[in-house]
Amino acid sequence: MEKKFNNNEVIESSKVLDIVANYKDKSNKDLEIAMEFINVEFEKTKDNLLKLTDHLDKLEVTYNTLLKEYKSRNVR
C-alpha cells in the first residue's frame, strides 16, 4: 500500500515495515518517515473509531426505542 504525504512523497507500507523492523540501523530521516506514516494511520484509525462508536450508540438507542414499543404492544 502506498501513501502520499504532505511533501507529496509516496511511501510504501513495506518501507515503513522495514524501518520499524530495523530501526536501530535506520537514519533519522527514515525514522521521521515511519513516524509520520504511523501518526497518519493512528489519526485515521482514531477518527474511524469515534465515528463507529457514535454509530453504535445511535443503533443501540434506536433498537431500545423499538424494543420498548414492541413490548408495550405485546402486553398480555
Protein backbone atom coordinates (compact mmCIF):
# COMPACT_ATOMS: atom_id res chain seq x y z
CA MET A 1 0.00 0.00 0.00
CA GLU A 2 1.26 3.46 -0.87
CA LYS A 3 0.52 6.73 0.87
CA LYS A 4 1.18 10.28 -0.20
CA PHE A 5 2.37 12.71 2.47
CA ASN A 6 2.41 16.49 2.76
CA ASN A 7 5.52 16.82 0.66
CA ASN A 8 3.90 14.57 -2.00
CA GLU A 9 6.43 11.86 -1.20
CA VAL A 10 4.99 8.40 -1.82
CA ILE A 11 5.72 5.94 0.96
CA GLU A 12 5.05 2.24 0.72
CA SER A 13 3.95 0.41 3.83
CA SER A 14 6.63 -2.23 3.14
CA LYS A 15 9.28 0.50 3.53
CA VAL A 16 7.75 1.52 6.85
CA LEU A 17 7.72 -2.11 8.00
CA ASP A 18 11.40 -2.38 7.10
CA ILE A 19 12.18 0.80 9.03
CA VAL A 20 10.28 -0.48 12.07
CA ALA A 21 11.96 -3.88 11.91
CA ASN A 22 15.44 -2.36 11.59
CA TYR A 23 15.00 0.96 13.38
CA LYS A 24 18.37 0.74 15.16
CA ASP A 25 20.15 0.83 11.80
CA LYS A 26 17.97 3.47 10.10
CA SER A 27 18.66 7.16 9.67
CA ASN A 28 16.73 9.87 11.47
CA LYS A 29 15.08 10.71 8.14
CA ASP A 30 13.82 7.12 7.88
CA LEU A 31 12.55 7.27 11.46
CA GLU A 32 10.72 10.52 10.65
CA ILE A 33 9.13 8.88 7.59
CA ALA A 34 7.95 5.91 9.66
CA MET A 35 6.67 8.13 12.49
CA GLU A 36 4.73 10.32 10.06
CA PHE A 37 3.22 7.27 8.38
CA ILE A 38 2.24 5.76 11.74
CA ASN A 39 0.86 9.06 13.01
CA VAL A 40 -1.36 9.44 9.93
CA GLU A 41 -2.63 5.88 10.37
CA PHE A 42 -3.21 6.46 14.09
CA GLU A 43 -5.27 9.61 13.47
CA LYS A 44 -7.34 7.93 10.74
CA THR A 45 -7.99 4.92 12.95
CA LYS A 46 -8.92 7.10 15.92
CA ASP A 47 -11.33 9.11 13.75
CA ASN A 48 -12.92 5.93 12.41
CA LEU A 49 -13.32 4.52 15.92
CA LEU A 50 -15.03 7.69 17.11
CA LYS A 51 -17.41 7.61 14.16
CA LEU A 52 -18.15 3.92 14.70
CA THR A 53 -18.72 4.46 18.42
CA ASP A 54 -21.21 7.21 17.67
CA HIS A 55 -22.94 4.99 15.12
CA LEU A 56 -23.09 2.09 17.58
CA ASP A 57 -24.58 4.33 20.26
CA LYS A 58 -27.27 5.54 17.87
CA LEU A 59 -28.09 1.97 16.84
CA GLU A 60 -28.47 0.97 20.47
CA VAL A 61 -30.80 3.88 21.25
CA THR A 62 -32.90 3.15 18.16
CA TYR A 63 -33.10 -0.56 18.94
CA ASN A 64 -34.09 0.10 22.55
CA THR A 65 -36.79 2.55 21.43
CA LEU A 66 -38.24 -0.02 19.03
CA LEU A 67 -37.99 -2.79 21.61
CA LYS A 68 -39.84 -0.72 24.19
CA GLU A 69 -42.65 -0.03 21.73
CA TYR A 70 -42.77 -3.68 20.67
CA LYS A 71 -43.04 -4.86 24.27
CA SER A 72 -45.75 -2.33 25.05
CA ARG A 73 -47.86 -3.73 22.20
CA ASN A 74 -47.48 -7.30 23.35
CA VAL A 75 -48.68 -6.97 26.91
CA ARG A 76 -50.77 -9.98 27.96
